Amino acid sequence: MTSFQQARIDLGHRLRQLREAAQLSGKDLAERLRWQPSKISRLENARQTATADDVTAWARVVGAAPDTADDLVRRAVSLLDRHDDWKQRHRSGLAAIQEDIRDLEARTTLFRVFEPGIIVGLLQTTEYARHIFRKVKRLYSADDEIDAAVRVRMQRQEILYDRARTFRFVVAESALRTLMAPPEVMRGQLDRLLAVSTLPNVDFGVLPFDAELPASPIHGFWIYDDSMVGLATMTKDLNLRDSDDIAFYARAFDDFAEVAKFGESGRQVIMRILTDFQQRSSH
């Protein structure tokens, strides 16, 4: 067992102790926090990493002493500051990972996302997502049913229709052309992007092949408000909270957005790619 997992187990045990001391069932606590009951179970059983916001709310509802609440926050921040190991993380299952992401998204009002190689999860169709999860499951020997992971990913997309939130996506043309799924699935995925790009709170930009880029698109990244940047390597998830890191990635996003095609121009790029897929299938 890694030190990361042991620390998560210890925090979950402490959270359970506080809930039980307050004489609250998991269902009672979930209702007071307006969470799904499954989240209480995941946190207590170390299948999900608690955030500082999570433990602060937990401490408030169970009536924890201020020093206890401060200790919980320190533990949560320490866990989140670590580089999350993909092998360890996937032991909790693909659906649990999607639940983690949904909780983070629920606390975010401004999303800035850059992706050079794959369709962003919030914009994926069911079938495209299914092909992605099959590849993830094979590569990382991940637990859990693919259908459950797809279902949670689709539930995550409901947030796109919340007008109180703003989404800015910049995706490289290569991400739209890379065959992460069969051509017929890719065509359906491109149709989905055309529809989502018309939502009033969504800015969807495409970096066309003929655009001169301001920097090398080494990896994708997500900026959650001005509080965190999330990015992934093949074996690590990195959550960056330092203000200098966040400012750096915000500038990088703006640079890529400056040369991307948005609105009707962006949809024309998507239509061109869609036509290419259709012609390929007809041969």
C-alpha atoms as a PDB file:
ATOM      1  CA  MET A   1       0.000   0.000   0.000  1.00  0.00           C
ATOM      2  CA  THR A   2       1.324   3.442  -0.906  1.00  0.00           C
ATOM      3  CA  SER A   3       1.685   6.237   1.643  1.00  0.00           C
ATOM      4  CA  PHE A   4      -0.870   8.191  -0.380  1.00  0.00           C
ATOM      5  CA  GLN A   5      -3.504   5.474  -0.001  1.00  0.00           C
ATOM      6  CA  GLN A   6      -2.736   5.004   3.698  1.00  0.00           C
ATOM      7  CA  ALA A   7      -3.177   8.730   4.295  1.00  0.00           C
ATOM      8  CA  ARG A   8      -6.485   8.633   2.436  1.00  0.00           C
ATOM      9  CA  ILE A   9      -7.627   5.656   4.539  1.00  0.00           C
ATOM     10  CA  ASP A  10      -6.669   7.493   7.745  1.00  0.00           C
ATOM     11  CA  LEU A  11      -8.592  10.594   6.695  1.00  0.00           C
ATOM     12  CA  GLY A  12     -11.650   8.526   5.780  1.00  0.00           C
ATOM     13  CA  HIS A  13     -11.516   6.784   9.154  1.00  0.00           C
ATOM     14  CA  ARG A  14     -11.368  10.142  10.934  1.00  0.00           C
ATOM     15  CA  LEU A  15     -14.322  11.460   8.944  1.00  0.00           C
ATOM     16  CA  ARG A  16     -16.352   8.397   9.883  1.00  0.00           C
ATOM     17  CA  GLN A  17     -15.461   8.833  13.564  1.00  0.00           C
ATOM     18  CA  LEU A  18     -16.706  12.427  13.485  1.00  0.00           C
ATOM     19  CA  ARG A  19     -19.943  11.457  11.727  1.00  0.00           C
ATOM     20  CA  GLU A  20     -20.656   8.686  14.210  1.00  0.00           C
ATOM     21  CA  ALA A  21     -19.808  10.945  17.164  1.00  0.00           C
ATOM     22  CA  ALA A  22     -22.425  13.364  15.836  1.00  0.00           C
ATOM     23  CA  GLN A  23     -24.889  10.443  15.724  1.00  0.00           C
ATOM     24  CA  LEU A  24     -25.563  10.913  12.010  1.00  0.00           C
ATOM     25  CA  SER A  25     -26.067   8.145   9.488  1.00  0.00           C
ATOM     26  CA  GLY A  26     -24.410   8.427   6.116  1.00  0.00           C
ATOM     27  CA  LYS A  27     -27.790   9.249   4.603  1.00  0.00           C
ATOM     28  CA  ASP A  28     -28.441  11.974   7.201  1.00  0.00           C
ATOM     29  CA  LEU A  29     -25.076  13.593   6.564  1.00  0.00           C
ATOM     30  CA  ALA A  30     -25.534  13.421   2.798  1.00  0.00           C
ATOM     31  CA  GLU A  31     -28.902  15.166   3.065  1.00  0.00           C
ATOM     32  CA  ARG A  32     -27.467  17.970   5.200  1.00  0.00           C
ATOM     33  CA  LEU A  33     -24.555  18.433   2.818  1.00  0.00           C
ATOM     34  CA  ARG A  34     -26.752  18.027  -0.281  1.00  0.00           C
ATOM     35  CA  TRP A  35     -24.454  15.289  -1.545  1.00  0.00           C
ATOM     36  CA  GLN A  36     -25.183  11.891  -2.994  1.00  0.00           C
ATOM     37  CA  PRO A  37     -25.038   9.233  -0.211  1.00  0.00           C
ATOM     38  CA  SER A  38     -22.491   7.350  -2.312  1.00  0.00           C
ATOM     39  CA  LYS A  39     -20.038  10.212  -1.834  1.00  0.00           C
ATOM     40  CA  ILE A  40     -20.113   9.761   1.945  1.00  0.00           C
ATOM     41  CA  SER A  41     -19.263   6.103   1.469  1.00  0.00           C
ATOM     42  CA  ARG A  42     -16.487   6.825  -1.034  1.00  0.00           C
ATOM     43  CA  LEU A  43     -14.804   9.355   1.249  1.00  0.00           C
ATOM     44  CA  GLU A  44     -15.032   7.195   4.362  1.00  0.00           C
ATOM     45  CA  ASN A  45     -13.784   4.107   2.547  1.00  0.00           C
ATOM     46  CA  ALA A  46     -10.901   5.882   0.791  1.00  0.00           C
ATOM     47  CA  ARG A  47     -12.315   5.420  -2.684  1.00  0.00           C
ATOM     48  CA  GLN A  48     -12.292   9.169  -3.278  1.00  0.00           C
ATOM     49  CA  THR A  49      -9.891  11.896  -2.208  1.00  0.00           C
ATOM     50  CA  ALA A  50     -11.587  14.529  -0.043  1.00  0.00           C
ATOM     51  CA  THR A  51     -10.989  18.164  -0.949  1.00  0.00           C
ATOM     52  CA  ALA A  52     -10.505  21.007   1.506  1.00  0.00           C
ATOM     53  CA  ASP A  53     -14.062  22.133   0.711  1.00  0.00           C
ATOM     54  CA  ASP A  54     -15.367  18.632   1.404  1.00  0.00           C
ATOM     55  CA  VAL A  55     -13.826  18.335   4.854  1.00  0.00           C
ATOM     56  CA  THR A  56     -14.697  21.924   5.779  1.00  0.00           C
ATOM     57  CA  ALA A  57     -18.363  21.255   5.042  1.00  0.00           C
ATOM     58  CA  TRP A  58     -18.179  17.888   6.828  1.00  0.00           C
ATOM     59  CA  ALA A  59     -16.653  19.454   9.944  1.00  0.00           C
ATOM     60  CA  ARG A  60     -19.298  22.179  10.006  1.00  0.00           C
ATOM     61  CA  VAL A  61     -22.225  19.766   9.832  1.00  0.00           C
ATOM     62  CA  VAL A  62     -20.872  17.346  12.448  1.00  0.00           C
ATOM     63  CA  GLY A  63     -19.978  20.224  14.780  1.00  0.00           C
ATOM     64  CA  ALA A  64     -16.247  19.524  14.879  1.00  0.00           C
ATOM     65  CA  ALA A  65     -14.012  21.772  16.990  1.00  0.00           C
ATOM     66  CA  PRO A  66     -12.045  24.447  15.077  1.00  0.00           C
ATOM     67  CA  ASP A  67      -8.706  22.691  15.642  1.00  0.00           C
ATOM     68  CA  THR A  68     -10.191  19.433  14.366  1.00  0.00           C
ATOM     69  CA  ALA A  69     -11.520  21.182  11.292  1.00  0.00           C
ATOM     70  CA  ASP A  70      -8.106  22.754  10.676  1.00  0.00           C
ATOM     71  CA  ASP A  71      -6.456  19.334  10.938  1.00  0.00           C
ATOM     72  CA  LEU A  72      -8.879  17.862   8.419  1.00  0.00           C
ATOM     73  CA  VAL A  73      -8.155  20.672   5.971  1.00  0.00           C
ATOM     74  CA  ARG A  74      -4.399  20.181   6.354  1.00  0.00           C
ATOM     75  CA  ARG A  75      -4.763  16.482   5.646  1.00  0.00           C
ATOM     76  CA  ALA A  76      -6.947  17.078   2.597  1.00  0.00           C
ATOM     77  CA  VAL A  77      -4.613  19.704   1.150  1.00  0.00           C
ATOM     78  CA  SER A  78      -1.639  17.411   1.713  1.00  0.00           C
ATOM     79  CA  LEU A  79      -3.346  14.616  -0.203  1.00  0.00           C
ATOM     80  CA  LEU A  80      -4.399  16.829  -3.078  1.00  0.00           C
ATOM     81  CA  ASP A  81      -0.934  18.340  -3.377  1.00  0.00           C
ATOM     82  CA  ARG A  82       0.567  14.933  -4.074  1.00  0.00           C
ATOM     83  CA  HIS A  83       1.022  13.598  -7.552  1.00  0.00           C
ATOM     84  CA  ASP A  84      -1.802  11.145  -7.928  1.00  0.00           C
ATOM     85  CA  ASP A  85      -0.577   7.752  -9.117  1.00  0.00           C
ATOM     86  CA  TRP A  86      -2.665   6.422 -12.017  1.00  0.00           C
ATOM     87  CA  LYS A  87      -2.241   2.796 -10.954  1.00  0.00           C
ATOM     88  CA  GLN A  88      -3.476   3.545  -7.443  1.00  0.00           C
ATOM     89  CA  ARG A  89      -6.219   5.839  -8.649  1.00  0.00           C
ATOM     90  CA  HIS A  90      -7.675   3.334 -11.090  1.00  0.00           C
ATOM     91  CA  ARG A  91      -8.001   0.718  -8.373  1.00  0.00           C
ATOM     92  CA  SER A  92     -11.028   2.682  -7.181  1.00  0.00           C
ATOM     93  CA  GLY A  93     -12.725   2.134 -10.549  1.00  0.00           C
ATOM     94  CA  LEU A  94     -13.455   4.219 -13.618  1.00  0.00           C
ATOM     95  CA  ALA A  95     -16.860   5.396 -12.382  1.00  0.00           C
ATOM     96  CA  ALA A  96     -15.405   6.616  -9.069  1.00  0.00           C
ATOM     97  CA  ILE A  97     -12.866   8.715 -10.966  1.00  0.00           C
ATOM     98  CA  GLN A  98     -15.699  10.290 -12.936  1.00  0.00           C
ATOM     99  CA  GLU A  99     -17.509  11.042  -9.664  1.00  0.00           C
ATOM    100  CA  ASP A 100     -14.375  12.783  -8.373  1.00  0.00           C
ATOM    101  CA  ILE A 101     -14.271  14.952 -11.473  1.00  0.00           C
ATOM    102  CA  ARG A 102     -17.989  15.741 -11.236  1.00  0.00           C
ATOM    103  CA  ASP A 103     -17.551  16.967  -7.666  1.00  0.00           C
ATOM    104  CA  LEU A 104     -14.749  19.285  -8.778  1.00  0.00           C
ATOM    105  CA  GLU A 105     -16.780  20.587 -11.697  1.00  0.00           C
ATOM    106  CA  ALA A 106     -19.738  21.301  -9.409  1.00  0.00           C
ATOM    107  CA  ARG A 107     -17.549  23.804  -7.527  1.00  0.00           C
ATOM    108  CA  THR A 108     -16.385  25.549 -10.709  1.00  0.00           C
ATOM    109  CA  THR A 109     -18.030  28.388 -12.612  1.00  0.00           C
ATOM    110  CA  LEU A 110     -15.364  29.171 -15.248  1.00  0.00           C
ATOM    111  CA  PHE A 111     -13.788  26.328 -17.209  1.00  0.00           C
ATOM    112  CA  ARG A 112     -10.850  26.881 -19.556  1.00  0.00           C
ATOM    113  CA  VAL A 113      -9.815  23.685 -21.314  1.00  0.00           C
ATOM    114  CA  PHE A 114      -7.071  23.030 -23.854  1.00  0.00           C
ATOM    115  CA  GLU A 115      -6.807  19.608 -25.475  1.00  0.00           C
ATOM    116  CA  PRO A 116      -4.485  18.699 -28.364  1.00  0.00           C
ATOM    117  CA  GLY A 117      -5.178  14.992 -28.767  1.00  0.00           C
ATOM    118  CA  ILE A 118      -8.621  13.823 -27.634  1.00  0.00           C
ATOM    119  CA  ILE A 119     -12.203  15.074 -27.431  1.00  0.00           C
ATOM    120  CA  VAL A 120     -12.840  16.649 -24.037  1.00  0.00           C
ATOM    121  CA  GLY A 121     -14.811  14.375 -21.700  1.00  0.00           C
ATOM    122  CA  LEU A 122     -17.583  16.930 -21.155  1.00  0.00           C
ATOM    123  CA  LEU A 123     -18.216  16.923 -24.904  1.00  0.00           C
ATOM    124  CA  GLN A 124     -17.977  13.216 -25.691  1.00  0.00           C
ATOM    125  CA  THR A 125     -20.816  11.144 -27.074  1.00  0.00           C
ATOM    126  CA  THR A 126     -21.761   7.914 -25.353  1.00  0.00           C
ATOM    127  CA  GLU A 127     -20.081   5.725 -27.976  1.00  0.00           C
ATOM    128  CA  TYR A 128     -16.911   7.797 -28.192  1.00  0.00           C
ATOM    129  CA  ALA A 129     -16.637   7.702 -24.388  1.00  0.00           C
ATOM    130  CA  ARG A 130     -17.170   3.944 -24.412  1.00  0.00           C
ATOM    131  CA  HIS A 131     -14.220   3.466 -26.779  1.00  0.00           C
ATOM    132  CA  ILE A 132     -12.042   5.752 -24.639  1.00  0.00           C
ATOM    133  CA  PHE A 133     -12.862   3.845 -21.441  1.00  0.00           C
ATOM    134  CA  ARG A 134     -12.115   0.519 -23.130  1.00  0.00           C
ATOM    135  CA  LYS A 135      -8.649   1.793 -23.949  1.00  0.00           C
ATOM    136  CA  VAL A 136      -8.154   3.160 -20.429  1.00  0.00           C
ATOM    137  CA  LYS A 137      -9.320  -0.098 -18.860  1.00  0.00           C
ATOM    138  CA  ARG A 138      -6.886  -2.097 -20.994  1.00  0.00           C
ATOM    139  CA  LEU A 139      -3.936   0.250 -20.449  1.00  0.00           C
ATOM    140  CA  TYR A 140      -4.309   0.664 -16.682  1.00  0.00           C
ATOM    141  CA  SER A 141      -6.072  -2.611 -15.803  1.00  0.00           C
ATOM    142  CA  ALA A 142      -8.745  -0.430 -14.241  1.00  0.00           C
ATOM    143  CA  ASP A 143     -11.545  -1.884 -12.148  1.00  0.00           C
ATOM    144  CA  ASP A 144     -15.244  -1.273 -12.604  1.00  0.00           C
ATOM    145  CA  GLU A 145     -17.767  -1.621 -15.404  1.00  0.00           C
ATOM    146  CA  ILE A 146     -17.316   0.543 -18.475  1.00  0.00           C
ATOM    147  CA  ASP A 147     -21.071   1.158 -18.648  1.00  0.00           C
ATOM    148  CA  ALA A 148     -21.022   2.714 -15.162  1.00  0.00           C
ATOM    149  CA  ALA A 149     -18.166   5.041 -16.111  1.00  0.00           C
ATOM    150  CA  VAL A 150     -19.918   6.088 -19.320  1.00  0.00           C
ATOM    151  CA  ARG A 151     -23.137   6.742 -17.396  1.00  0.00           C
ATOM    152  CA  VAL A 152     -21.408   9.092 -14.926  1.00  0.00           C
ATOM    153  CA  ARG A 153     -19.546  10.869 -17.728  1.00  0.00           C
ATOM    154  CA  MET A 154     -22.851  11.528 -19.481  1.00  0.00           C
ATOM    155  CA  GLN A 155     -24.343  12.788 -16.203  1.00  0.00           C
ATOM    156  CA  ARG A 156     -21.407  15.177 -15.876  1.00  0.00           C
ATOM    157  CA  GLN A 157     -22.452  16.826 -19.135  1.00  0.00           C
ATOM    158  CA  GLU A 158     -25.643  18.187 -17.604  1.00  0.00           C
ATOM    159  CA  ILE A 159     -23.521  21.023 -16.222  1.00  0.00           C
ATOM    160  CA  LEU A 160     -23.085  22.387 -19.761  1.00  0.00           C
ATOM    161  CA  TYR A 161     -26.688  23.602 -19.658  1.00  0.00           C
ATOM    162  CA  ASP A 162     -26.218  25.630 -16.482  1.00  0.00           C
ATOM    163  CA  ARG A 163     -26.194  29.232 -17.700  1.00  0.00           C
ATOM    164  CA  ALA A 164     -24.436  30.324 -14.502  1.00  0.00           C
ATOM    165  CA  ARG A 165     -21.276  28.601 -15.757  1.00  0.00           C
ATOM    166  CA  THR A 166     -18.953  29.524 -18.610  1.00  0.00           C
ATOM    167  CA  PHE A 167     -17.016  27.023 -20.699  1.00  0.00           C
ATOM    168  CA  ARG A 168     -14.127  27.863 -23.011  1.00  0.00           C
ATOM    169  CA  PHE A 169     -12.703  24.968 -24.979  1.00  0.00           C
ATOM    170  CA  VAL A 170      -9.750  25.067 -27.363  1.00  0.00           C
ATOM    171  CA  VAL A 171      -9.173  21.796 -29.185  1.00  0.00           C
ATOM    172  CA  ALA A 172      -6.545  21.050 -31.832  1.00  0.00           C
ATOM    173  CA  GLU A 173      -7.716  19.820 -35.226  1.00  0.00           C
ATOM    174  CA  SER A 174      -5.640  16.708 -34.589  1.00  0.00           C
ATOM    175  CA  ALA A 175      -7.955  15.802 -31.693  1.00  0.00           C
ATOM    176  CA  LEU A 176     -10.924  15.882 -34.068  1.00  0.00           C
ATOM    177  CA  ARG A 177      -9.212  13.714 -36.667  1.00  0.00           C
ATOM    178  CA  THR A 178      -7.468  11.126 -34.484  1.00  0.00           C
ATOM    179  CA  LEU A 179      -9.340   7.824 -34.735  1.00  0.00           C
ATOM    180  CA  MET A 180      -9.947   7.048 -31.089  1.00  0.00           C
ATOM    181  CA  ALA A 181     -13.094   5.274 -32.312  1.00  0.00           C
ATOM    182  CA  PRO A 182     -14.405   3.919 -35.640  1.00  0.00           C
ATOM    183  CA  PRO A 183     -15.228   6.491 -38.358  1.00  0.00           C
ATOM    184  CA  GLU A 184     -18.989   6.230 -37.822  1.00  0.00           C
ATOM    185  CA  VAL A 185     -18.505   7.041 -34.120  1.00  0.00           C
ATOM    186  CA  MET A 186     -16.238   9.944 -35.034  1.00  0.00           C
ATOM    187  CA  ARG A 187     -18.926  11.354 -37.320  1.00  0.00           C
ATOM    188  CA  GLY A 188     -21.449  11.242 -34.499  1.00  0.00           C
ATOM    189  CA  GLN A 189     -18.908  12.896 -32.217  1.00  0.00           C
ATOM    190  CA  LEU A 190     -18.340  15.747 -34.660  1.00  0.00           C
ATOM    191  CA  ASP A 191     -22.103  16.285 -34.960  1.00  0.00           C
ATOM    192  CA  ARG A 192     -22.199  16.554 -31.177  1.00  0.00           C
ATOM    193  CA  LEU A 193     -19.494  19.234 -31.229  1.00  0.00           C
ATOM    194  CA  LEU A 194     -21.436  21.225 -33.807  1.00  0.00           C
ATOM    195  CA  ALA A 195     -24.469  21.233 -31.511  1.00  0.00           C
ATOM    196  CA  VAL A 196     -22.600  22.048 -28.294  1.00  0.00           C
ATOM    197  CA  SER A 197     -20.704  24.902 -29.953  1.00  0.00           C
ATOM    198  CA  THR A 198     -23.991  26.808 -30.324  1.00  0.00           C
ATOM    199  CA  LEU A 199     -24.751  26.858 -26.580  1.00  0.00           C
ATOM    200  CA  PRO A 200     -24.718  30.460 -25.298  1.00  0.00           C
ATOM    201  CA  ASN A 201     -22.366  29.733 -22.387  1.00  0.00           C
ATOM    202  CA  VAL A 202     -19.917  27.650 -24.450  1.00  0.00           C
ATOM    203  CA  ASP A 203     -17.021  28.986 -26.522  1.00  0.00           C
ATOM    204  CA  PHE A 204     -15.619  26.174 -28.653  1.00  0.00           C
ATOM    205  CA  GLY A 205     -12.466  26.903 -30.630  1.00  0.00           C
ATOM    206  CA  VAL A 206     -10.506  24.741 -33.059  1.00  0.00           C
ATOM    207  CA  LEU A 207      -6.797  25.108 -33.742  1.00  0.00           C
ATOM    208  CA  PRO A 208      -6.600  24.353 -37.479  1.00  0.00           C
ATOM    209  CA  PHE A 209      -3.582  22.644 -38.968  1.00  0.00           C
ATOM    210  CA  ASP A 210      -2.692  25.754 -40.974  1.00  0.00           C
ATOM    211  CA  ALA A 211      -2.513  28.026 -37.901  1.00  0.00           C
ATOM    212  CA  GLU A 212       0.911  29.030 -36.596  1.00  0.00           C
ATOM    213  CA  LEU A 213       0.897  28.012 -32.948  1.00  0.00           C
ATOM    214  CA  PRO A 214       2.309  30.196 -30.159  1.00  0.00           C
ATOM    215  CA  ALA A 215       3.836  27.178 -28.389  1.00  0.00           C
ATOM    216  CA  SER A 216       4.186  23.428 -28.731  1.00  0.00           C
ATOM    217  CA  PRO A 217       0.923  21.702 -27.673  1.00  0.00           C
ATOM    218  CA  ILE A 218       2.676  19.239 -25.381  1.00  0.00           C
ATOM    219  CA  HIS A 219      -0.298  18.260 -23.245  1.00  0.00           C
ATOM    220  CA  GLY A 220      -3.845  19.207 -22.431  1.00  0.00           C
ATOM    221  CA  PHE A 221      -4.903  21.049 -19.291  1.00  0.00           C
ATOM    222  CA  TRP A 222      -7.992  22.219 -17.422  1.00  0.00           C
ATOM    223  CA  ILE A 223      -8.182  25.504 -15.499  1.00  0.00           C
ATOM    224  CA  TYR A 224     -10.891  25.524 -12.819  1.00  0.00           C
ATOM    225  CA  ASP A 225     -11.804  29.150 -12.082  1.00  0.00           C
ATOM    226  CA  ASP A 226      -8.543  30.671 -10.828  1.00  0.00           C
ATOM    227  CA  SER A 227      -8.069  28.032  -8.141  1.00  0.00           C
ATOM    228  CA  MET A 228      -6.490  24.987  -9.835  1.00  0.00           C
ATOM    229  CA  VAL A 229      -4.962  23.610 -13.004  1.00  0.00           C
ATOM    230  CA  GLY A 230      -5.376  19.922 -13.733  1.00  0.00           C
ATOM    231  CA  LEU A 231      -3.214  18.028 -16.205  1.00  0.00           C
ATOM    232  CA  ALA A 232      -2.207  14.433 -16.736  1.00  0.00           C
ATOM    233  CA  THR A 233       0.810  12.501 -17.887  1.00  0.00           C
ATOM    234  CA  MET A 234       0.629   8.801 -18.743  1.00  0.00           C
ATOM    235  CA  THR A 235       1.236   7.845 -15.103  1.00  0.00           C
ATOM    236  CA  LYS A 236       0.435  10.907 -12.977  1.00  0.00           C
ATOM    237  CA  ASP A 237      -2.367  13.361 -12.390  1.00  0.00           C
ATOM    238  CA  LEU A 238      -1.048  16.790 -11.479  1.00  0.00           C
ATOM    239  CA  ASN A 239      -3.185  19.304  -9.587  1.00  0.00           C
ATOM    240  CA  LEU A 240      -1.464  22.679  -9.520  1.00  0.00           C
ATOM    241  CA  ARG A 241      -2.655  25.305  -7.050  1.00  0.00           C
ATOM    242  CA  ASP A 242       0.284  27.691  -6.939  1.00  0.00           C
ATOM    243  CA  SER A 243      -0.809  31.128  -8.200  1.00  0.00           C
ATOM    244  CA  ASP A 244       2.194  31.386 -10.527  1.00  0.00           C
ATOM    245  CA  ASP A 245       1.363  28.020 -12.121  1.00  0.00           C
ATOM    246  CA  ILE A 246      -2.271  29.029 -12.608  1.00  0.00           C
ATOM    247  CA  ALA A 247      -1.273  32.362 -14.155  1.00  0.00           C
ATOM    248  CA  PHE A 248       1.176  30.612 -16.496  1.00  0.00           C
ATOM    249  CA  TYR A 249      -1.471  28.213 -17.804  1.00  0.00           C
ATOM    250  CA  ALA A 250      -4.041  31.012 -18.094  1.00  0.00           C
ATOM    251  CA  ARG A 251      -1.613  32.890 -20.365  1.00  0.00           C
ATOM    252  CA  ALA A 252      -0.950  29.702 -22.339  1.00  0.00           C
ATOM    253  CA  PHE A 253      -4.690  29.182 -22.801  1.00  0.00           C
ATOM    254  CA  ASP A 254      -5.148  32.773 -23.991  1.00  0.00           C
ATOM    255  CA  ASP A 255      -2.284  32.336 -26.467  1.00  0.00           C
ATOM    256  CA  PHE A 256      -3.837  29.223 -27.991  1.00  0.00           C
ATOM    257  CA  ALA A 257      -7.303  30.818 -27.997  1.00  0.00           C
ATOM    258  CA  GLU A 258      -5.910  33.811 -29.877  1.00  0.00           C
ATOM    259  CA  VAL A 259      -5.187  31.693 -32.966  1.00  0.00           C
ATOM    260  CA  ALA A 260      -8.153  29.299 -32.669  1.00  0.00           C
ATOM    261  CA  LYS A 261     -11.257  29.458 -34.835  1.00  0.00           C
ATOM    262  CA  PHE A 262     -14.420  30.125 -32.838  1.00  0.00           C
ATOM    263  CA  GLY A 263     -18.084  30.393 -33.744  1.00  0.00           C
ATOM    264  CA  GLU A 264     -18.981  29.866 -37.387  1.00  0.00           C
ATOM    265  CA  SER A 265     -15.322  29.713 -38.434  1.00  0.00           C
ATOM    266  CA  GLY A 266     -14.725  26.892 -35.970  1.00  0.00           C
ATOM    267  CA  ARG A 267     -17.820  25.031 -37.136  1.00  0.00           C
ATOM    268  CA  GLN A 268     -16.556  25.275 -40.731  1.00  0.00           C
ATOM    269  CA  VAL A 269     -13.393  23.437 -39.671  1.00  0.00           C
ATOM    270  CA  ILE A 270     -15.519  20.735 -38.015  1.00  0.00           C
ATOM    271  CA  MET A 271     -17.703  20.448 -41.126  1.00  0.00           C
ATOM    272  CA  ARG A 272     -14.622  20.016 -43.310  1.00  0.00           C
ATOM    273  CA  ILE A 273     -13.402  17.183 -41.091  1.00  0.00           C
ATOM    274  CA  LEU A 274     -16.863  15.628 -41.058  1.00  0.00           C
ATOM    275  CA  THR A 275     -16.916  15.684 -44.860  1.00  0.00           C
ATOM    276  CA  ASP A 276     -13.533  13.961 -44.929  1.00  0.00           C
ATOM    277  CA  PHE A 277     -14.831  11.166 -42.687  1.00  0.00           C
ATOM    278  CA  GLN A 278     -17.937  10.763 -44.830  1.00  0.00           C
ATOM    279  CA  GLN A 279     -15.881  10.512 -48.013  1.00  0.00           C
ATOM    280  CA  ARG A 280     -13.543   8.014 -46.385  1.00  0.00           C
ATOM    281  CA  SER A 281     -16.477   5.802 -45.398  1.00  0.00           C
ATOM    282  CA  SER A 282     -17.943   5.885 -48.928  1.00  0.00           C
ATOM    283  CA  HIS A 283     -14.780   4.476 -50.524  1.00  0.00           C
END
